[in-house]
């Protein structure tokens, strides 16, 4: 497996992984709630590739995209040291080191880009993701109670960060 920067030609496969990840119920979007179109993904890949404090990574094995990660830094002077991260791994590839590899690439790039703080949120009962994030050095900063409504139930969102 290799982790590399996403290119425009990756858009169809990334769309498939995003649809799979959203079907899992662990993401902000419900399955089918977001229209994931190839042209929109290509635009996002281009934008993140051109931005000085952003990057779009994919984990690839034998030509197949197993997962993706996005890191978006901020531009304001007082917040330019921090970036939000988002990660998705196809269900067939979870628990096989894909998330760890994607985080490794993001952290290495963030240090090179002079980013000091990484931030993310996760659904409180997503124990597999919480385990990965803690393994990668993220710490819980707080709980946003009843932040999400999933299947008519209110769910807490965990806010985490990692200082580089």
N, C-alpha and C. Protein backbone atom coordinates (compact mmCIF):
# COMPACT_ATOMS: atom_id res chain seq x y z
N UNK A 1 0.84 -1.18 0.00
CA UNK A 1 0.00 0.00 0.00
C UNK A 1 0.89 1.24 0.00
N UNK A 2 0.47 2.22 -0.78
CA UNK A 2 1.14 3.51 -0.77
C UNK A 2 0.12 4.60 -0.45
N UNK A 3 0.60 5.67 0.13
CA UNK A 3 -0.22 6.85 0.37
C UNK A 3 0.37 7.95 -0.48
N UNK A 4 -0.47 8.60 -1.25
CA UNK A 4 -0.02 9.67 -2.13
C UNK A 4 -1.08 10.75 -2.19
N UNK A 5 -0.70 11.86 -2.81
CA UNK A 5 -1.66 12.94 -3.01
C UNK A 5 -2.67 12.50 -4.07
N UNK A 6 -3.93 12.82 -3.84
CA UNK A 6 -4.97 12.49 -4.80
C UNK A 6 -4.78 13.28 -6.09
N UNK A 7 -5.13 12.66 -7.20
CA UNK A 7 -5.09 13.32 -8.51
C UNK A 7 -6.51 13.26 -9.10
N UNK A 8 -6.75 14.08 -10.10
CA UNK A 8 -8.09 14.21 -10.67
C UNK A 8 -8.67 12.86 -11.11
N UNK A 9 -7.82 11.99 -11.64
CA UNK A 9 -8.28 10.70 -12.14
C UNK A 9 -8.76 9.78 -11.02
N UNK A 10 -8.47 10.12 -9.77
CA UNK A 10 -8.91 9.31 -8.63
C UNK A 10 -10.38 9.54 -8.28
N UNK A 11 -10.98 10.59 -8.81
CA UNK A 11 -12.32 10.99 -8.38
C UNK A 11 -13.36 9.87 -8.41
N UNK A 12 -13.46 9.05 -9.47
CA UNK A 12 -14.49 8.00 -9.46
C UNK A 12 -14.30 7.00 -8.32
N UNK A 13 -13.06 6.59 -8.08
CA UNK A 13 -12.82 5.63 -7.00
C UNK A 13 -13.04 6.27 -5.62
N UNK A 14 -12.63 7.52 -5.47
CA UNK A 14 -12.85 8.21 -4.20
C UNK A 14 -14.35 8.30 -3.93
N UNK A 15 -15.13 8.60 -4.95
CA UNK A 15 -16.58 8.69 -4.80
C UNK A 15 -17.14 7.37 -4.27
N UNK A 16 -16.64 6.26 -4.80
CA UNK A 16 -17.10 4.95 -4.34
C UNK A 16 -16.75 4.70 -2.89
N UNK A 17 -15.55 5.09 -2.49
CA UNK A 17 -15.15 4.92 -1.09
C UNK A 17 -15.99 5.82 -0.19
N UNK A 18 -16.22 7.06 -0.63
CA UNK A 18 -17.04 7.98 0.18
C UNK A 18 -18.46 7.43 0.36
N UNK A 19 -19.03 6.90 -0.69
CA UNK A 19 -20.37 6.32 -0.58
C UNK A 19 -20.38 5.15 0.39
N UNK A 20 -19.35 4.31 0.33
CA UNK A 20 -19.24 3.17 1.24
C UNK A 20 -19.09 3.66 2.69
N UNK A 21 -18.24 4.64 2.90
CA UNK A 21 -18.00 5.15 4.25
C UNK A 21 -19.27 5.79 4.81
N UNK A 22 -19.96 6.57 4.00
CA UNK A 22 -21.18 7.21 4.48
C UNK A 22 -22.27 6.18 4.76
N UNK A 23 -22.28 5.07 4.04
CA UNK A 23 -23.26 4.01 4.30
C UNK A 23 -23.01 3.34 5.65
N UNK A 24 -21.80 3.47 6.17
CA UNK A 24 -21.47 2.86 7.46
C UNK A 24 -22.18 3.53 8.62
N UNK A 25 -22.61 4.80 8.42
CA UNK A 25 -23.26 5.53 9.49
C UNK A 25 -22.32 6.26 10.43
N UNK A 26 -21.04 6.25 10.14
CA UNK A 26 -20.05 6.87 11.03
C UNK A 26 -19.67 8.29 10.62
N UNK A 27 -20.20 8.79 9.54
CA UNK A 27 -19.81 10.11 9.05
C UNK A 27 -20.92 11.13 9.31
N UNK A 28 -20.63 12.39 9.05
CA UNK A 28 -21.60 13.46 9.24
C UNK A 28 -22.80 13.30 8.31
N UNK A 29 -22.53 12.87 7.08
CA UNK A 29 -23.60 12.69 6.10
C UNK A 29 -24.22 11.31 6.24
N UNK A 30 -25.55 11.23 6.10
CA UNK A 30 -26.22 9.95 6.01
C UNK A 30 -25.99 9.37 4.62
N UNK A 31 -26.16 8.08 4.50
CA UNK A 31 -26.01 7.42 3.21
C UNK A 31 -26.98 8.04 2.20
N UNK A 32 -26.46 8.46 1.06
CA UNK A 32 -27.26 9.04 0.00
C UNK A 32 -27.66 10.49 0.22
N UNK A 33 -27.29 11.07 1.34
CA UNK A 33 -27.67 12.45 1.64
C UNK A 33 -26.88 13.46 0.81
N UNK A 34 -25.68 13.10 0.48
CA UNK A 34 -24.81 13.98 -0.30
C UNK A 34 -24.65 13.39 -1.69
N UNK A 35 -24.79 14.24 -2.70
CA UNK A 35 -24.60 13.81 -4.07
C UNK A 35 -23.10 13.91 -4.38
N UNK A 36 -22.45 12.77 -4.43
CA UNK A 36 -21.01 12.73 -4.68
C UNK A 36 -20.80 12.57 -6.18
N UNK A 37 -20.48 13.67 -6.84
CA UNK A 37 -20.27 13.64 -8.28
C UNK A 37 -18.79 13.75 -8.59
N UNK A 38 -18.40 13.10 -9.68
CA UNK A 38 -17.00 13.09 -10.09
C UNK A 38 -16.47 14.50 -10.32
N UNK A 39 -17.25 15.35 -10.97
CA UNK A 39 -16.78 16.72 -11.25
C UNK A 39 -16.55 17.51 -9.97
N UNK A 40 -17.44 17.34 -9.00
CA UNK A 40 -17.27 18.04 -7.72
C UNK A 40 -16.05 17.55 -6.97
N UNK A 41 -15.81 16.25 -7.00
CA UNK A 41 -14.61 15.70 -6.36
C UNK A 41 -13.34 16.17 -7.06
N UNK A 42 -13.37 16.24 -8.38
CA UNK A 42 -12.21 16.74 -9.11
C UNK A 42 -11.91 18.18 -8.72
N UNK A 43 -12.95 18.97 -8.56
CA UNK A 43 -12.76 20.36 -8.14
C UNK A 43 -12.16 20.42 -6.74
N UNK A 44 -12.65 19.57 -5.83
CA UNK A 44 -12.10 19.53 -4.47
C UNK A 44 -10.65 19.09 -4.48
N UNK A 45 -10.34 18.06 -5.24
CA UNK A 45 -8.94 17.59 -5.35
C UNK A 45 -8.05 18.72 -5.84
N UNK A 46 -8.51 19.43 -6.86
CA UNK A 46 -7.73 20.55 -7.40
C UNK A 46 -7.55 21.66 -6.36
N UNK A 47 -8.63 22.04 -5.70
CA UNK A 47 -8.56 23.12 -4.69
C UNK A 47 -7.61 22.77 -3.56
N UNK A 48 -7.73 21.55 -3.03
CA UNK A 48 -6.86 21.16 -1.92
C UNK A 48 -5.41 21.00 -2.37
N UNK A 49 -5.23 20.62 -3.61
CA UNK A 49 -3.87 20.49 -4.14
C UNK A 49 -3.18 21.82 -4.34
N UNK A 50 -3.95 22.86 -4.58
CA UNK A 50 -3.39 24.20 -4.81
C UNK A 50 -3.26 25.03 -3.54
N UNK A 51 -4.03 24.72 -2.53
CA UNK A 51 -4.03 25.52 -1.30
C UNK A 51 -2.74 25.27 -0.51
N UNK A 52 -2.15 26.32 0.05
CA UNK A 52 -0.88 26.14 0.77
C UNK A 52 -1.01 25.36 2.07
N UNK A 53 -2.19 25.33 2.67
CA UNK A 53 -2.36 24.66 3.96
C UNK A 53 -3.41 23.56 3.87
N UNK A 54 -3.45 22.85 2.75
CA UNK A 54 -4.42 21.78 2.57
C UNK A 54 -3.84 20.68 1.69
N UNK A 55 -4.37 19.47 1.85
CA UNK A 55 -3.92 18.35 1.04
C UNK A 55 -5.00 17.27 1.06
N UNK A 56 -5.07 16.51 -0.02
CA UNK A 56 -6.01 15.40 -0.16
C UNK A 56 -5.17 14.16 -0.45
N UNK A 57 -5.19 13.20 0.45
CA UNK A 57 -4.40 11.98 0.32
C UNK A 57 -5.30 10.78 0.02
N UNK A 58 -4.74 9.81 -0.66
CA UNK A 58 -5.41 8.52 -0.87
C UNK A 58 -4.43 7.40 -0.53
N UNK A 59 -4.99 6.31 -0.01
CA UNK A 59 -4.22 5.08 0.22
C UNK A 59 -4.59 4.14 -0.92
N UNK A 60 -3.57 3.65 -1.62
CA UNK A 60 -3.78 2.86 -2.83
C UNK A 60 -3.03 1.54 -2.72
N UNK A 61 -3.70 0.47 -3.15
CA UNK A 61 -3.05 -0.83 -3.23
C UNK A 61 -3.50 -1.50 -4.52
N UNK A 62 -2.55 -1.88 -5.34
CA UNK A 62 -2.81 -2.53 -6.63
C UNK A 62 -3.85 -1.76 -7.45
N UNK A 63 -3.70 -0.44 -7.46
CA UNK A 63 -4.55 0.42 -8.25
C UNK A 63 -5.91 0.73 -7.65
N UNK A 64 -6.19 0.17 -6.48
CA UNK A 64 -7.48 0.39 -5.83
C UNK A 64 -7.33 1.35 -4.66
N UNK A 65 -8.21 2.35 -4.60
CA UNK A 65 -8.20 3.29 -3.49
C UNK A 65 -8.93 2.66 -2.32
N UNK A 66 -8.21 2.56 -1.18
CA UNK A 66 -8.74 1.92 0.02
C UNK A 66 -9.32 2.93 1.00
N UNK A 67 -8.82 4.17 0.93
CA UNK A 67 -9.26 5.19 1.85
C UNK A 67 -8.73 6.54 1.42
N UNK A 68 -9.22 7.58 2.09
CA UNK A 68 -8.83 8.95 1.76
C UNK A 68 -8.70 9.75 3.05
N UNK A 69 -7.96 10.84 2.97
CA UNK A 69 -7.82 11.75 4.10
C UNK A 69 -7.65 13.16 3.55
N UNK A 70 -8.32 14.08 4.21
CA UNK A 70 -8.20 15.49 3.84
C UNK A 70 -7.73 16.28 5.05
N UNK A 71 -6.87 17.22 4.79
CA UNK A 71 -6.41 18.13 5.83
C UNK A 71 -6.59 19.54 5.29
N UNK A 72 -7.25 20.37 6.09
CA UNK A 72 -7.54 21.75 5.68
C UNK A 72 -7.08 22.70 6.76
N UNK A 73 -6.06 23.48 6.42
CA UNK A 73 -5.57 24.48 7.34
C UNK A 73 -6.34 25.77 7.21
N UNK A 74 -6.11 26.63 8.14
CA UNK A 74 -6.79 27.93 8.16
C UNK A 74 -5.85 29.02 7.68
N UNK A 75 -6.44 30.10 7.21
CA UNK A 75 -5.65 31.17 6.61
C UNK A 75 -5.47 32.38 7.51
N UNK A 76 -6.37 32.59 8.47
CA UNK A 76 -6.24 33.75 9.34
C UNK A 76 -4.96 33.65 10.16
N UNK A 77 -4.32 34.77 10.40
CA UNK A 77 -3.04 34.77 11.08
C UNK A 77 -3.11 34.07 12.44
N UNK A 78 -4.17 34.33 13.20
CA UNK A 78 -4.27 33.77 14.54
C UNK A 78 -4.61 32.28 14.54
N UNK A 79 -5.10 31.75 13.45
CA UNK A 79 -5.48 30.33 13.40
C UNK A 79 -4.71 29.55 12.33
N UNK A 80 -3.75 30.17 11.71
CA UNK A 80 -3.03 29.52 10.59
C UNK A 80 -2.18 28.34 11.04
N UNK A 81 -2.03 28.15 12.32
CA UNK A 81 -1.23 27.04 12.85
C UNK A 81 -2.05 25.76 13.03
N UNK A 82 -3.35 25.82 12.75
CA UNK A 82 -4.19 24.64 12.98
C UNK A 82 -4.86 24.18 11.69
N UNK A 83 -5.25 22.89 11.70
CA UNK A 83 -5.90 22.30 10.54
C UNK A 83 -6.89 21.24 10.99
N UNK A 84 -7.98 21.14 10.26
CA UNK A 84 -8.98 20.09 10.49
C UNK A 84 -8.67 18.91 9.60
N UNK A 85 -8.87 17.72 10.12
CA UNK A 85 -8.62 16.51 9.34
C UNK A 85 -9.90 15.69 9.25
N UNK A 86 -10.03 14.98 8.13
CA UNK A 86 -11.15 14.08 7.91
C UNK A 86 -10.61 12.84 7.21
N UNK A 87 -11.09 11.69 7.62
CA UNK A 87 -10.56 10.44 7.11
C UNK A 87 -11.71 9.47 6.83
N UNK A 88 -11.59 8.70 5.77
CA UNK A 88 -12.56 7.65 5.48
C UNK A 88 -11.85 6.44 4.91
N UNK A 89 -12.21 5.27 5.39
CA UNK A 89 -11.61 4.02 4.92
C UNK A 89 -12.74 3.07 4.54
N UNK A 90 -12.64 2.49 3.35
CA UNK A 90 -13.63 1.53 2.87
C UNK A 90 -13.77 0.41 3.90
N UNK A 91 -15.01 -0.08 4.09
CA UNK A 91 -15.23 -1.09 5.13
C UNK A 91 -14.41 -2.36 4.91
N UNK A 92 -14.09 -2.71 3.68
CA UNK A 92 -13.29 -3.90 3.41
C UNK A 92 -11.82 -3.72 3.81
N UNK A 93 -11.42 -2.48 4.07
CA UNK A 93 -10.02 -2.20 4.39
C UNK A 93 -9.81 -1.74 5.83
N UNK A 94 -10.86 -1.65 6.62
CA UNK A 94 -10.72 -1.20 8.01
C UNK A 94 -9.99 -2.23 8.84
N UNK A 95 -9.19 -1.73 9.78
CA UNK A 95 -8.44 -2.60 10.67
C UNK A 95 -7.21 -3.21 10.04
N UNK A 96 -6.79 -2.68 8.89
CA UNK A 96 -5.65 -3.25 8.16
C UNK A 96 -4.51 -2.24 7.99
N UNK A 97 -4.51 -1.18 8.78
CA UNK A 97 -3.42 -0.21 8.74
C UNK A 97 -3.61 0.94 7.77
N UNK A 98 -4.74 1.00 7.08
CA UNK A 98 -4.98 2.07 6.10
C UNK A 98 -5.10 3.41 6.81
N UNK A 99 -5.90 3.48 7.85
CA UNK A 99 -6.05 4.73 8.60
C UNK A 99 -4.74 5.20 9.20
N UNK A 100 -3.98 4.27 9.74
CA UNK A 100 -2.67 4.61 10.32
C UNK A 100 -1.75 5.19 9.25
N UNK A 101 -1.74 4.57 8.08
CA UNK A 101 -0.88 5.07 6.99
C UNK A 101 -1.32 6.45 6.52
N UNK A 102 -2.63 6.66 6.41
CA UNK A 102 -3.12 7.97 5.99
C UNK A 102 -2.77 9.04 7.04
N UNK A 103 -2.95 8.72 8.31
CA UNK A 103 -2.58 9.68 9.36
C UNK A 103 -1.08 9.96 9.33
N UNK A 104 -0.28 8.95 9.10
CA UNK A 104 1.16 9.16 9.02
C UNK A 104 1.53 10.16 7.94
N UNK A 105 0.91 10.03 6.78
CA UNK A 105 1.18 10.96 5.68
C UNK A 105 0.70 12.36 6.04
N UNK A 106 -0.49 12.47 6.64
CA UNK A 106 -1.01 13.79 7.01
C UNK A 106 -0.12 14.47 8.05
N UNK A 107 0.30 13.72 9.03
CA UNK A 107 1.13 14.30 10.10
C UNK A 107 2.47 14.75 9.56
N UNK A 108 3.09 13.93 8.72
CA UNK A 108 4.37 14.32 8.11
C UNK A 108 4.21 15.59 7.29
N UNK A 109 3.18 15.63 6.46
CA UNK A 109 2.95 16.82 5.64
C UNK A 109 2.64 18.03 6.51
N UNK A 110 1.83 17.87 7.55
CA UNK A 110 1.46 18.99 8.42
C UNK A 110 2.68 19.61 9.09
N UNK A 111 3.60 18.78 9.51
CA UNK A 111 4.83 19.30 10.13
C UNK A 111 5.61 20.11 9.11
N UNK A 112 5.72 19.60 7.88
CA UNK A 112 6.44 20.33 6.82
C UNK A 112 5.74 21.64 6.48
N UNK A 113 4.42 21.70 6.64
CA UNK A 113 3.65 22.90 6.32
C UNK A 113 3.53 23.84 7.51
N UNK A 114 4.28 23.57 8.57
CA UNK A 114 4.30 24.40 9.78
C UNK A 114 2.93 24.46 10.46
N UNK A 115 2.20 23.36 10.40
CA UNK A 115 0.94 23.25 11.14
C UNK A 115 1.28 22.67 12.51
N UNK A 116 0.76 23.30 13.53
CA UNK A 116 1.10 22.94 14.91
C UNK A 116 0.01 22.09 15.58
N UNK A 117 -1.23 22.23 15.12
CA UNK A 117 -2.36 21.59 15.80
C UNK A 117 -3.29 20.96 14.76
N UNK A 118 -3.64 19.69 14.98
CA UNK A 118 -4.62 19.00 14.15
C UNK A 118 -5.88 18.79 14.97
N UNK A 119 -7.03 18.95 14.32
CA UNK A 119 -8.32 18.83 15.00
C UNK A 119 -9.25 17.91 14.24
N UNK A 120 -10.12 17.21 14.97
CA UNK A 120 -11.14 16.38 14.35
C UNK A 120 -12.29 16.18 15.31
N UNK A 121 -13.40 15.69 14.78
CA UNK A 121 -14.53 15.27 15.61
C UNK A 121 -14.91 13.86 15.20
N UNK A 122 -15.54 13.15 16.13
CA UNK A 122 -15.94 11.77 15.87
C UNK A 122 -17.20 11.47 16.69
N UNK A 123 -18.06 10.64 16.14
CA UNK A 123 -19.25 10.18 16.86
C UNK A 123 -18.78 9.39 18.08
N UNK A 124 -19.37 9.70 19.22
CA UNK A 124 -18.90 9.14 20.50
C UNK A 124 -18.87 7.61 20.52
N UNK A 125 -19.81 6.95 19.88
CA UNK A 125 -19.83 5.49 19.94
C UNK A 125 -19.06 4.81 18.80
N UNK A 126 -18.29 5.58 18.03
CA UNK A 126 -17.45 5.00 16.98
C UNK A 126 -16.12 4.58 17.62
N UNK A 127 -16.16 3.47 18.32
CA UNK A 127 -15.02 3.03 19.12
C UNK A 127 -13.80 2.69 18.26
N UNK A 128 -14.02 2.17 17.06
CA UNK A 128 -12.89 1.83 16.19
C UNK A 128 -12.12 3.09 15.79
N UNK A 129 -12.85 4.15 15.43
CA UNK A 129 -12.19 5.41 15.06
C UNK A 129 -11.53 6.04 16.28
N UNK A 130 -12.20 6.04 17.43
CA UNK A 130 -11.60 6.60 18.65
C UNK A 130 -10.30 5.90 18.98
N UNK A 131 -10.28 4.59 18.83
CA UNK A 131 -9.05 3.83 19.09
C UNK A 131 -7.93 4.28 18.15
N UNK A 132 -8.24 4.41 16.86
CA UNK A 132 -7.24 4.85 15.89
C UNK A 132 -6.72 6.24 16.23
N UNK A 133 -7.63 7.17 16.51
CA UNK A 133 -7.22 8.54 16.78
C UNK A 133 -6.35 8.62 18.03
N UNK A 134 -6.70 7.89 19.06
CA UNK A 134 -5.87 7.88 20.28
C UNK A 134 -4.51 7.24 20.00
N UNK A 135 -4.51 6.18 19.20
CA UNK A 135 -3.25 5.53 18.82
C UNK A 135 -2.34 6.51 18.08
N UNK A 136 -2.94 7.41 17.30
CA UNK A 136 -2.16 8.38 16.52
C UNK A 136 -1.81 9.62 17.35
N UNK A 137 -2.15 9.62 18.63
CA UNK A 137 -1.73 10.70 19.52
C UNK A 137 -2.76 11.80 19.72
N UNK A 138 -3.98 11.62 19.24
CA UNK A 138 -5.02 12.61 19.46
C UNK A 138 -5.57 12.44 20.87
N UNK A 139 -5.92 13.57 21.48
CA UNK A 139 -6.48 13.57 22.82
C UNK A 139 -7.87 14.18 22.80
N UNK A 140 -8.73 13.67 23.67
CA UNK A 140 -10.08 14.21 23.78
C UNK A 140 -10.01 15.58 24.44
N UNK A 141 -10.65 16.55 23.81
CA UNK A 141 -10.72 17.90 24.39
C UNK A 141 -12.08 18.19 24.98
N UNK A 142 -13.10 17.49 24.51
CA UNK A 142 -14.43 17.73 25.04
C UNK A 142 -15.49 16.93 24.31
N UNK A 143 -16.66 16.96 24.88
CA UNK A 143 -17.81 16.28 24.32
C UNK A 143 -18.87 17.33 24.00
N UNK A 144 -19.34 17.33 22.78
CA UNK A 144 -20.43 18.21 22.37
C UNK A 144 -21.71 17.37 22.47
N UNK A 145 -22.46 17.60 23.54
CA UNK A 145 -23.62 16.75 23.84
C UNK A 145 -24.77 16.97 22.86
N UNK A 146 -25.39 15.85 22.47
CA UNK A 146 -26.54 15.87 21.56
C UNK A 146 -26.26 16.68 20.29
N UNK A 147 -25.04 16.62 19.83
CA UNK A 147 -24.60 17.40 18.68
C UNK A 147 -25.19 16.88 17.37
N UNK A 148 -25.45 15.59 17.30
CA UNK A 148 -25.96 14.97 16.08
C UNK A 148 -27.26 14.24 16.38
N UNK A 149 -28.08 14.08 15.37
CA UNK A 149 -29.30 13.29 15.50
C UNK A 149 -29.22 12.17 14.47
N UNK A 150 -29.09 10.96 14.97
CA UNK A 150 -28.92 9.79 14.11
C UNK A 150 -30.04 8.81 14.42
N UNK A 151 -30.82 8.47 13.41
CA UNK A 151 -31.96 7.54 13.57
C UNK A 151 -32.85 7.96 14.74
N UNK A 152 -33.18 9.23 14.78
CA UNK A 152 -34.08 9.81 15.78
C UNK A 152 -33.51 9.82 17.20
N UNK A 153 -32.22 9.50 17.34
CA UNK A 153 -31.58 9.56 18.66
C UNK A 153 -30.50 10.64 18.65
N UNK A 154 -30.40 11.37 19.73
CA UNK A 154 -29.35 12.38 19.85
C UNK A 154 -28.05 11.68 20.24
N UNK A 155 -26.96 12.10 19.61
CA UNK A 155 -25.66 11.46 19.79
C UNK A 155 -24.62 12.53 20.08
N UNK A 156 -23.70 12.20 20.97
CA UNK A 156 -22.61 13.10 21.31
C UNK A 156 -21.50 13.03 20.28
N UNK A 157 -20.81 14.14 20.13
CA UNK A 157 -19.66 14.25 19.23
C UNK A 157 -18.43 14.54 20.08
N UNK A 158 -17.37 13.81 19.86
CA UNK A 158 -16.13 13.97 20.62
C UNK A 158 -15.19 14.88 19.82
N UNK A 159 -14.68 15.91 20.45
CA UNK A 159 -13.70 16.81 19.84
C UNK A 159 -12.32 16.38 20.31
N UNK A 160 -11.40 16.21 19.35
CA UNK A 160 -10.05 15.73 19.66
C UNK A 160 -9.02 16.60 18.95
N UNK A 161 -7.81 16.59 19.48
CA UNK A 161 -6.73 17.32 18.82
C UNK A 161 -5.41 16.62 19.08
N UNK A 162 -4.46 16.99 18.25
CA UNK A 162 -3.07 16.51 18.40
C UNK A 162 -2.17 17.69 18.18
N UNK A 163 -1.27 17.92 19.13
CA UNK A 163 -0.27 18.97 18.99
C UNK A 163 0.97 18.34 18.37
N UNK A 164 1.46 18.92 17.30
CA UNK A 164 2.62 18.37 16.59
C UNK A 164 3.92 18.92 17.17
